[in-house]
Amino acid sequence: YSSTALRARQTAQPLATAAGVEVRALPDLMEVGIG
Protein backbone atom coordinates (compact mmCIF):
# COMPACT_ATOMS: atom_id res chain seq x y z
CA TYR A 1 0.00 0.00 0.00
CA SER A 2 1.06 3.61 -0.44
CA SER A 3 -0.38 7.08 -0.26
CA THR A 4 -1.43 8.60 -3.57
CA ALA A 5 1.54 11.01 -3.47
CA LEU A 6 4.08 10.42 -6.24
CA ARG A 7 7.03 10.05 -3.84
CA ALA A 8 5.22 7.35 -1.86
CA ARG A 9 4.19 5.44 -5.00
CA GLN A 10 7.76 5.63 -6.33
CA THR A 11 9.05 4.22 -3.02
CA ALA A 12 6.45 1.47 -3.01
CA GLN A 13 6.95 0.36 -6.63
CA PRO A 14 10.22 -1.61 -6.15
CA LEU A 15 8.69 -3.38 -3.14
CA ALA A 16 5.61 -4.28 -5.13
CA THR A 17 7.64 -5.46 -8.13
CA ALA A 18 9.76 -7.70 -5.90
CA ALA A 19 6.63 -9.11 -4.26
CA GLY A 20 4.85 -9.62 -7.59
CA VAL A 21 1.91 -7.38 -6.68
CA GLU A 22 0.50 -4.00 -7.73
CA VAL A 23 0.84 -0.89 -5.58
CA ARG A 24 -2.50 -0.08 -3.94
CA ALA A 25 -2.58 3.73 -3.59
CA LEU A 26 -4.87 5.05 -0.85
CA PRO A 27 -5.72 8.75 -0.34
CA ASP A 28 -6.09 8.21 3.43
CA LEU A 29 -2.34 7.47 3.75
CA MET A 30 -1.49 11.03 2.63
CA GLU A 31 0.62 13.47 4.60
CA VAL A 32 -1.03 15.93 6.98
CA GLY A 33 -2.98 18.61 5.15
CA ILE A 34 -2.11 22.20 6.09
CA GLY A 35 -4.85 23.95 4.13
Full PDB file with SEQRES, HELIX, SHEET, SSBOND, CRYST1, ORIGX, SCALE, CONECT and MASTER records, all heavy atoms in Angstrom:
SEQRES   1 A   35  TYR SER SER THR ALA LEU ARG ALA ARG GLN THR ALA GLN          
SEQRES   2 A   35  PRO LEU ALA THR ALA ALA GLY VAL GLU VAL ARG ALA LEU          
SEQRES   3 A   35  PRO ASP LEU MET GLU VAL GLY ILE GLY                          
HELIX    1 AA1 LEU A    6  ALA A   19  1                                  14    
HELIX    2 AA2 PRO A   27  LEU A   29  5                                   3    
CRYST1    1.000    1.000    1.000  90.00  90.00  90.00 P 1           1          
ORIGX1      1.000000  0.000000  0.000000        0.00000                         
ORIGX2      0.000000  1.000000  0.000000        0.00000                         
ORIGX3      0.000000  0.000000  1.000000        0.00000                         
SCALE1      1.000000  0.000000  0.000000        0.00000                         
SCALE2      0.000000  1.000000  0.000000        0.00000                         
SCALE3      0.000000  0.000000  1.000000        0.00000                         
ATOM      1  N   TYR A   1       0.846  -1.190   0.000  1.00  0.00           N  
ATOM      2  CA  TYR A   1       0.000   0.000   0.000  1.00  0.00           C  
ATOM      3  C   TYR A   1       0.885   1.246   0.000  1.00  0.00           C  
ATOM      4  O   TYR A   1       2.004   1.225   0.506  1.00  0.00           O  
ATOM      5  CB  TYR A   1      -0.893   0.027   1.241  1.00  0.00           C  
ATOM      6  CG  TYR A   1      -1.937  -1.052   1.272  1.00  0.00           C  
ATOM      7  CD1 TYR A   1      -1.669  -2.301   1.824  1.00  0.00           C  
ATOM      8  CD2 TYR A   1      -3.202  -0.828   0.739  1.00  0.00           C  
ATOM      9  CE1 TYR A   1      -2.628  -3.302   1.845  1.00  0.00           C  
ATOM     10  CE2 TYR A   1      -4.174  -1.823   0.760  1.00  0.00           C  
ATOM     11  CZ  TYR A   1      -3.886  -3.050   1.315  1.00  0.00           C  
ATOM     12  OH  TYR A   1      -4.837  -4.038   1.337  1.00  0.00           O  
ATOM     13  N   SER A   2       0.351   2.329  -0.545  1.00  0.00           N  
ATOM     14  CA  SER A   2       1.059   3.611  -0.443  1.00  0.00           C  
ATOM     15  C   SER A   2       0.033   4.721  -0.445  1.00  0.00           C  
ATOM     16  O   SER A   2      -1.142   4.516  -0.789  1.00  0.00           O  
ATOM     17  CB  SER A   2       2.031   3.810  -1.618  1.00  0.00           C  
ATOM     18  OG  SER A   2       1.362   4.302  -2.760  1.00  0.00           O  
ATOM     19  N   SER A   3       0.478   5.917  -0.059  1.00  0.00           N  
ATOM     20  CA  SER A   3      -0.381   7.080  -0.257  1.00  0.00           C  
ATOM     21  C   SER A   3      -0.440   7.354  -1.760  1.00  0.00           C  
ATOM     22  O   SER A   3       0.301   6.763  -2.550  1.00  0.00           O  
ATOM     23  CB  SER A   3       0.166   8.294   0.501  1.00  0.00           C  
ATOM     24  OG  SER A   3       1.106   9.004  -0.285  1.00  0.00           O  
ATOM     25  N   THR A   4      -1.304   8.255  -2.151  1.00  0.00           N  
ATOM     26  CA  THR A   4      -1.430   8.602  -3.568  1.00  0.00           C  
ATOM     27  C   THR A   4      -0.346   9.576  -4.030  1.00  0.00           C  
ATOM     28  O   THR A   4      -0.234   9.850  -5.227  1.00  0.00           O  
ATOM     29  CB  THR A   4      -2.815   9.204  -3.855  1.00  0.00           C  
ATOM     30  OG1 THR A   4      -3.071  10.244  -2.904  1.00  0.00           O  
ATOM     31  CG2 THR A   4      -3.906   8.142  -3.746  1.00  0.00           C  
ATOM     32  N   ALA A   5       0.466  10.084  -3.102  1.00  0.00           N  
ATOM     33  CA  ALA A   5       1.541  11.008  -3.469  1.00  0.00           C  
ATOM     34  C   ALA A   5       2.581  10.296  -4.340  1.00  0.00           C  
ATOM     35  O   ALA A   5       2.908   9.130  -4.100  1.00  0.00           O  
ATOM     36  CB  ALA A   5       2.209  11.581  -2.224  1.00  0.00           C  
ATOM     37  N   LEU A   6       3.114  11.011  -5.310  1.00  0.00           N  
ATOM     38  CA  LEU A   6       4.082  10.421  -6.241  1.00  0.00           C  
ATOM     39  C   LEU A   6       5.270   9.817  -5.508  1.00  0.00           C  
ATOM     40  O   LEU A   6       5.700   8.697  -5.808  1.00  0.00           O  
ATOM     41  CB  LEU A   6       4.545  11.486  -7.243  1.00  0.00           C  
ATOM     42  CG  LEU A   6       5.620  11.048  -8.255  1.00  0.00           C  
ATOM     43  CD1 LEU A   6       5.139   9.875  -9.102  1.00  0.00           C  
ATOM     44  CD2 LEU A   6       6.011  12.238  -9.142  1.00  0.00           C  
ATOM     45  N   ARG A   7       5.826  10.530  -4.541  1.00  0.00           N  
ATOM     46  CA  ARG A   7       7.026  10.047  -3.843  1.00  0.00           C  
ATOM     47  C   ARG A   7       6.760   8.747  -3.087  1.00  0.00           C  
ATOM     48  O   ARG A   7       7.640   7.886  -2.991  1.00  0.00           O  
ATOM     49  CB  ARG A   7       7.572  11.119  -2.900  1.00  0.00           C  
ATOM     50  CG  ARG A   7       6.615  11.589  -1.806  1.00  0.00           C  
ATOM     51  CD  ARG A   7       7.160  12.862  -1.167  1.00  0.00           C  
ATOM     52  NE  ARG A   7       6.376  13.405  -0.073  1.00  0.00           N  
ATOM     53  CZ  ARG A   7       5.284  14.168  -0.237  1.00  0.00           C  
ATOM     54  NH1 ARG A   7       4.826  14.428  -1.449  1.00  0.00           N  
ATOM     55  NH2 ARG A   7       4.653  14.670   0.817  1.00  0.00           N  
ATOM     56  N   ALA A   8       5.554   8.590  -2.559  1.00  0.00           N  
ATOM     57  CA  ALA A   8       5.215   7.347  -1.860  1.00  0.00           C  
ATOM     58  C   ALA A   8       5.043   6.200  -2.851  1.00  0.00           C  
ATOM     59  O   ALA A   8       5.509   5.077  -2.624  1.00  0.00           O  
ATOM     60  CB  ALA A   8       3.942   7.532  -1.040  1.00  0.00           C  
ATOM     61  N   ARG A   9       4.380   6.485  -3.977  1.00  0.00           N  
ATOM     62  CA  ARG A   9       4.190   5.439  -4.995  1.00  0.00           C  
ATOM     63  C   ARG A   9       5.518   5.016  -5.601  1.00  0.00           C  
ATOM     64  O   ARG A   9       5.747   3.830  -5.865  1.00  0.00           O  
ATOM     65  CB  ARG A   9       3.224   5.942  -6.076  1.00  0.00           C  
ATOM     66  CG  ARG A   9       1.782   6.057  -5.576  1.00  0.00           C  
ATOM     67  CD  ARG A   9       0.807   6.441  -6.682  1.00  0.00           C  
ATOM     68  NE  ARG A   9       0.893   7.843  -7.042  1.00  0.00           N  
ATOM     69  CZ  ARG A   9       1.279   8.326  -8.210  1.00  0.00           C  
ATOM     70  NH1 ARG A   9       1.661   7.484  -9.184  1.00  0.00           N  
ATOM     71  NH2 ARG A   9       1.298   9.620  -8.457  1.00  0.00           N  
ATOM     72  N   GLN A  10       6.434   5.974  -5.793  1.00  0.00           N  
ATOM     73  CA  GLN A  10       7.757   5.629  -6.329  1.00  0.00           C  
ATOM     74  C   GLN A  10       8.556   4.791  -5.336  1.00  0.00           C  
ATOM     75  O   GLN A  10       9.334   3.921  -5.739  1.00  0.00           O  
ATOM     76  CB  GLN A  10       8.528   6.912  -6.672  1.00  0.00           C  
ATOM     77  CG  GLN A  10       7.999   7.626  -7.910  1.00  0.00           C  
ATOM     78  CD  GLN A  10       8.765   8.899  -8.204  1.00  0.00           C  
ATOM     79  OE1 GLN A  10       9.244   9.593  -7.291  1.00  0.00           O  
ATOM     80  NE2 GLN A  10       8.895   9.236  -9.480  1.00  0.00           N  
ATOM     81  N   THR A  11       8.371   5.027  -4.046  1.00  0.00           N  
ATOM     82  CA  THR A  11       9.051   4.224  -3.023  1.00  0.00           C  
ATOM     83  C   THR A  11       8.450   2.827  -2.956  1.00  0.00           C  
ATOM     84  O   THR A  11       9.165   1.829  -2.779  1.00  0.00           O  
ATOM     85  CB  THR A  11       8.936   4.912  -1.641  1.00  0.00           C  
ATOM     86  OG1 THR A  11       9.475   6.239  -1.716  1.00  0.00           O  
ATOM     87  CG2 THR A  11       9.673   4.120  -0.564  1.00  0.00           C  
ATOM     88  N   ALA A  12       7.142   2.750  -3.129  1.00  0.00           N  
ATOM     89  CA  ALA A  12       6.446   1.468  -3.010  1.00  0.00           C  
ATOM     90  C   ALA A  12       6.669   0.566  -4.224  1.00  0.00           C  
ATOM     91  O   ALA A  12       6.630  -0.671  -4.093  1.00  0.00           O  
ATOM     92  CB  ALA A  12       4.946   1.712  -2.833  1.00  0.00           C  
ATOM     93  N   GLN A  13       6.910   1.151  -5.395  1.00  0.00           N  
ATOM     94  CA  GLN A  13       6.950   0.361  -6.626  1.00  0.00           C  
ATOM     95  C   GLN A  13       7.997  -0.764  -6.612  1.00  0.00           C  
ATOM     96  O   GLN A  13       7.685  -1.897  -6.978  1.00  0.00           O  
ATOM     97  CB  GLN A  13       7.152   1.264  -7.844  1.00  0.00           C  
ATOM     98  CG  GLN A  13       6.968   0.529  -9.180  1.00  0.00           C  
ATOM     99  CD  GLN A  13       5.601  -0.136  -9.288  1.00  0.00           C  
ATOM    100  OE1 GLN A  13       4.575   0.525  -9.229  1.00  0.00           O  
ATOM    101  NE2 GLN A  13       5.592  -1.473  -9.437  1.00  0.00           N  
ATOM    102  N   PRO A  14       9.251  -0.503  -6.189  1.00  0.00           N  
ATOM    103  CA  PRO A  14      10.221  -1.605  -6.151  1.00  0.00           C  
ATOM    104  C   PRO A  14       9.806  -2.730  -5.200  1.00  0.00           C  
ATOM    105  O   PRO A  14      10.024  -3.908  -5.496  1.00  0.00           O  
ATOM    106  CB  PRO A  14      11.514  -0.938  -5.675  1.00  0.00           C  
ATOM    107  CG  PRO A  14      11.336   0.515  -5.959  1.00  0.00           C  
ATOM    108  CD  PRO A  14       9.884   0.785  -5.826  1.00  0.00           C  
ATOM    109  N   LEU A  15       9.179  -2.366  -4.077  1.00  0.00           N  
ATOM    110  CA  LEU A  15       8.692  -3.376  -3.138  1.00  0.00           C  
ATOM    111  C   LEU A  15       7.617  -4.240  -3.797  1.00  0.00           C  
ATOM    112  O   LEU A  15       7.616  -5.469  -3.671  1.00  0.00           O  
ATOM    113  CB  LEU A  15       8.104  -2.700  -1.898  1.00  0.00           C  
ATOM    114  CG  LEU A  15       9.065  -2.093  -0.894  1.00  0.00           C  
ATOM    115  CD1 LEU A  15       8.320  -1.175   0.062  1.00  0.00           C  
ATOM    116  CD2 LEU A  15       9.775  -3.197  -0.112  1.00  0.00           C  
ATOM    117  N   ALA A  16       6.693  -3.565  -4.490  1.00  0.00           N  
ATOM    118  CA  ALA A  16       5.605  -4.281  -5.135  1.00  0.00           C  
ATOM    119  C   ALA A  16       6.125  -5.186  -6.256  1.00  0.00           C  
ATOM    120  O   ALA A  16       5.682  -6.328  -6.403  1.00  0.00           O  
ATOM    121  CB  ALA A  16       4.586  -3.280  -5.691  1.00  0.00           C  
ATOM    122  N   THR A  17       7.066  -4.665  -7.037  1.00  0.00           N  
ATOM    123  CA  THR A  17       7.645  -5.457  -8.134  1.00  0.00           C  
ATOM    124  C   THR A  17       8.308  -6.720  -7.590  1.00  0.00           C  
ATOM    125  O   THR A  17       8.115  -7.816  -8.121  1.00  0.00           O  
ATOM    126  CB  THR A  17       8.662  -4.606  -8.913  1.00  0.00           C  
ATOM    127  OG1 THR A  17       7.983  -3.478  -9.481  1.00  0.00           O  
ATOM    128  CG2 THR A  17       9.303  -5.412 -10.034  1.00  0.00           C  
ATOM    129  N   ALA A  18       9.082  -6.541  -6.509  1.00  0.00           N  
ATOM    130  CA  ALA A  18       9.765  -7.698  -5.901  1.00  0.00           C  
ATOM    131  C   ALA A  18       8.772  -8.714  -5.353  1.00  0.00           C  
ATOM    132  O   ALA A  18       9.025  -9.928  -5.389  1.00  0.00           O  
ATOM    133  CB  ALA A  18      10.702  -7.226  -4.791  1.00  0.00           C  
ATOM    134  N   ALA A  19       7.633  -8.224  -4.852  1.00  0.00           N  
ATOM    135  CA  ALA A  19       6.626  -9.113  -4.264  1.00  0.00           C  
ATOM    136  C   ALA A  19       5.663  -9.678  -5.302  1.00  0.00           C  
ATOM    137  O   ALA A  19       4.849 -10.562  -4.990  1.00  0.00           O  
ATOM    138  CB  ALA A  19       5.834  -8.365  -3.195  1.00  0.00           C  
ATOM    139  N   GLY A  20       5.734  -9.140  -6.531  1.00  0.00           N  
ATOM    140  CA  GLY A  20       4.847  -9.617  -7.585  1.00  0.00           C  
ATOM    141  C   GLY A  20       3.415  -9.139  -7.441  1.00  0.00           C  
ATOM    142  O   GLY A  20       2.477  -9.841  -7.837  1.00  0.00           O  
ATOM    143  N   VAL A  21       3.256  -7.943  -6.861  1.00  0.00           N  
ATOM    144  CA  VAL A  21       1.907  -7.382  -6.675  1.00  0.00           C  
ATOM    145  C   VAL A  21       1.868  -5.958  -7.233  1.00  0.00           C  
ATOM    146  O   VAL A  21       2.902  -5.381  -7.583  1.00  0.00           O  
ATOM    147  CB  VAL A  21       1.503  -7.371  -5.180  1.00  0.00           C  
ATOM    148  CG1 VAL A  21       1.468  -8.795  -4.624  1.00  0.00           C  
ATOM    149  CG2 VAL A  21       2.447  -6.495  -4.353  1.00  0.00           C  
ATOM    150  N   GLU A  22       0.669  -5.397  -7.317  1.00  0.00           N  
ATOM    151  CA  GLU A  22       0.498  -4.001  -7.727  1.00  0.00           C  
ATOM    152  C   GLU A  22       0.484  -3.101  -6.502  1.00  0.00           C  
ATOM    153  O   GLU A  22       0.043  -3.519  -5.422  1.00  0.00           O  
ATOM    154  CB  GLU A  22      -0.826  -3.834  -8.486  1.00  0.00           C  
ATOM    155  CG  GLU A  22      -0.916  -4.608  -9.787  1.00  0.00           C  
ATOM    156  CD  GLU A  22       0.017  -4.060 -10.855  1.00  0.00           C  
ATOM    157  OE1 GLU A  22       0.191  -2.833 -10.910  1.00  0.00           O  
ATOM    158  OE2 GLU A  22       0.575  -4.872 -11.623  1.00  0.00           O  
ATOM    159  N   VAL A  23       0.946  -1.866  -6.662  1.00  0.00           N  
ATOM    160  CA  VAL A  23       0.838  -0.886  -5.575  1.00  0.00           C  
ATOM    161  C   VAL A  23      -0.631  -0.483  -5.436  1.00  0.00           C  
ATOM    162  O   VAL A  23      -1.287  -0.146  -6.433  1.00  0.00           O  
ATOM    163  CB  VAL A  23       1.693   0.367  -5.860  1.00  0.00           C  
ATOM    164  CG1 VAL A  23       1.457   1.424  -4.771  1.00  0.00           C  
ATOM    165  CG2 VAL A  23       3.161   0.015  -5.953  1.00  0.00           C  
ATOM    166  N   ARG A  24      -1.142  -0.541  -4.211  1.00  0.00           N  
ATOM    167  CA  ARG A  24      -2.505  -0.078  -3.942  1.00  0.00           C  
ATOM    168  C   ARG A  24      -2.405   1.310  -3.303  1.00  0.00           C  
ATOM    169  O   ARG A  24      -2.032   1.432  -2.128  1.00  0.00           O  
ATOM    170  CB  ARG A  24      -3.220  -1.043  -3.001  1.00  0.00           C  
ATOM    171  CG  ARG A  24      -3.268  -2.478  -3.515  1.00  0.00           C  
ATOM    172  CD  ARG A  24      -4.096  -3.352  -2.585  1.00  0.00           C  
ATOM    173  NE  ARG A  24      -3.863  -4.765  -2.813  1.00  0.00           N  
ATOM    174  CZ  ARG A  24      -4.507  -5.734  -2.168  1.00  0.00           C  
ATOM    175  NH1 ARG A  24      -5.425  -5.440  -1.259  1.00  0.00           N  
ATOM    176  NH2 ARG A  24      -4.233  -7.016  -2.424  1.00  0.00           N  
ATOM    177  N   ALA A  25      -2.716   2.351  -4.078  1.00  0.00           N  
ATOM    178  CA  ALA A  25      -2.581   3.728  -3.593  1.00  0.00           C  
ATOM    179  C   ALA A  25      -3.869   4.176  -2.890  1.00  0.00           C  
ATOM    180  O   ALA A  25      -4.960   4.064  -3.462  1.00  0.00           O  
ATOM    181  CB  ALA A  25      -2.261   4.664  -4.752  1.00  0.00           C  
ATOM    182  N   LEU A  26      -3.725   4.653  -1.664  1.00  0.00           N  
ATOM    183  CA  LEU A  26      -4.870   5.051  -0.851  1.00  0.00           C  
ATOM    184  C   LEU A  26      -4.758   6.516  -0.426  1.00  0.00           C  
ATOM    185  O   LEU A  26      -3.774   6.913   0.203  1.00  0.00           O  
ATOM    186  CB  LEU A  26      -4.953   4.185   0.410  1.00  0.00           C  
ATOM    187  CG  LEU A  26      -5.038   2.669   0.217  1.00  0.00           C  
ATOM    188  CD1 LEU A  26      -4.997   1.981   1.575  1.00  0.00           C  
ATOM    189  CD2 LEU A  26      -6.315   2.310  -0.535  1.00  0.00           C  
ATOM    190  N   PRO A  27      -5.753   7.341  -0.734  1.00  0.00           N  
ATOM    191  CA  PRO A  27      -5.717   8.751  -0.338  1.00  0.00           C  
ATOM    192  C   PRO A  27      -5.577   8.953   1.179  1.00  0.00           C  
ATOM    193  O   PRO A  27      -4.959   9.933   1.617  1.00  0.00           O  
ATOM    194  CB  PRO A  27      -7.060   9.296  -0.836  1.00  0.00           C  
ATOM    195  CG  PRO A  27      -7.472   8.374  -1.925  1.00  0.00           C  
ATOM    196  CD  PRO A  27      -6.951   7.024  -1.537  1.00  0.00           C  
ATOM    197  N   ASP A  28      -6.132   8.030   1.979  1.00  0.00           N  
ATOM    198  CA  ASP A  28      -6.093   8.208   3.434  1.00  0.00           C  
ATOM    199  C   ASP A  28      -4.697   8.051   4.037  1.00  0.00           C  
ATOM    200  O   ASP A  28      -4.487   8.369   5.216  1.00  0.00           O  
ATOM    201  CB  ASP A  28      -7.058   7.230   4.121  1.00  0.00           C  
ATOM    202  CG  ASP A  28      -8.503   7.701   4.029  1.00  0.00           C  
ATOM    203  OD1 ASP A  28      -8.730   8.893   3.751  1.00  0.00           O  
ATOM    204  OD2 ASP A  28      -9.409   6.869   4.240  1.00  0.00           O  
ATOM    205  N   LEU A  29      -3.726   7.573   3.250  1.00  0.00           N  
ATOM    206  CA  LEU A  29      -2.340   7.473   3.755  1.00  0.00           C  
ATOM    207  C   LEU A  29      -1.530   8.748   3.484  1.00  0.00           C  
ATOM    208  O   LEU A  29      -0.334   8.784   3.747  1.00  0.00           O  
ATOM    209  CB  LEU A  29      -1.629   6.269   3.119  1.00  0.00           C  
ATOM    210  CG  LEU A  29      -1.988   4.887   3.674  1.00  0.00           C  
ATOM    211  CD1 LEU A  29      -1.294   3.800   2.879  1.00  0.00           C  
ATOM    212  CD2 LEU A  29      -1.609   4.784   5.155  1.00  0.00           C  
ATOM    213  N   MET A  30      -2.190   9.786   2.976  1.00  0.00           N  
ATOM    214  CA  MET A  30      -1.487  11.030   2.633  1.00  0.00           C  
ATOM    215  C   MET A  30      -0.885  11.727   3.851  1.00  0.00           C  
ATOM    216  O   MET A  30      -1.255  11.451   4.992  1.00  0.00           O  
ATOM    217  CB  MET A  30      -2.443  12.005   1.943  1.00  0.00           C  
ATOM    218  CG  MET A  30      -2.691  11.676   0.484  1.00  0.00           C  
ATOM    219  SD  MET A  30      -1.217  11.815  -0.546  1.00  0.00           S  
ATOM    220  CE  MET A  30      -0.989  13.599  -0.570  1.00  0.00           C  
ATOM    221  N   GLU A  31       0.020  12.647   3.551  1.00  0.00           N  
ATOM    222  CA  GLU A  31       0.622  13.467   4.599  1.00  0.00           C  
ATOM    223  C   GLU A  31      -0.435  14.420   5.161  1.00  0.00           C  
ATOM    224  O   GLU A  31      -1.482  14.662   4.550  1.00  0.00           O  
ATOM    225  CB  GLU A  31       1.819  14.248   4.022  1.00  0.00           C  
ATOM    226  CG  GLU A  31       2.579  15.101   5.019  1.00  0.00           C  
ATOM    227  CD  GLU A  31       3.114  14.322   6.226  1.00  0.00           C  
ATOM    228  OE1 GLU A  31       2.296  13.816   7.012  1.00  0.00           O  
ATOM    229  OE2 GLU A  31       4.340  14.275   6.404  1.00  0.00           O  
ATOM    230  N   VAL A  32      -0.132  14.980   6.316  1.00  0.00           N  
ATOM    231  CA  VAL A  32      -1.028  15.928   6.983  1.00  0.00           C  
ATOM    232  C   VAL A  32      -1.325  17.126   6.072  1.00  0.00           C  
ATOM    233  O   VAL A  32      -0.406  17.718   5.494  1.00  0.00           O  
ATOM    234  CB  VAL A  32      -0.382  16.420   8.297  1.00  0.00           C  
ATOM    235  CG1 VAL A  32      -1.213  17.531   8.927  1.00  0.00           C  
ATOM    236  CG2 VAL A  32      -0.201  15.255   9.268  1.00  0.00           C  
ATOM    237  N   GLY A  33      -2.591  17.452   5.950  1.00  0.00           N  
ATOM    238  CA  GLY A  33      -2.983  18.607   5.153  1.00  0.00           C  
ATOM    239  C   GLY A  33      -2.878  19.897   5.962  1.00  0.00           C  
ATOM    240  O   GLY A  33      -3.323  19.946   7.116  1.00  0.00           O  
ATOM    241  N   ILE A  34      -2.277  20.931   5.361  1.00  0.00           N  
ATOM    242  CA  ILE A  34      -2.113  22.201   6.089  1.00  0.00           C  
ATOM    243  C   ILE A  34      -2.880  23.341   5.407  1.00  0.00           C  
ATOM    244  O   ILE A  34      -2.548  24.515   5.553  1.00  0.00           O  
ATOM    245  CB  ILE A  34      -0.625  22.567   6.277  1.00  0.00           C  
ATOM    246  CG1 ILE A  34       0.100  22.696   4.931  1.00  0.00           C  
ATOM    247  CG2 ILE A  34       0.066  21.524   7.168  1.00  0.00           C  
ATOM    248  CD1 ILE A  34       1.526  23.246   5.076  1.00  0.00           C  
ATOM    249  N   GLY A  35      -3.926  22.966   4.666  1.00  0.00           N  
ATOM    250  CA  GLY A  35      -4.849  23.952   4.132  1.00  0.00           C  
ATOM    251  C   GLY A  35      -4.221  24.999   3.237  1.00  0.00           C  
ATOM    252  O   GLY A  35      -3.477  24.675   2.316  1.00  0.00           O  
TER     253      GLY A  35                                                      
MASTER        0    0    0    2    0    0    0    6  252    1    0    3          
END                                                                             
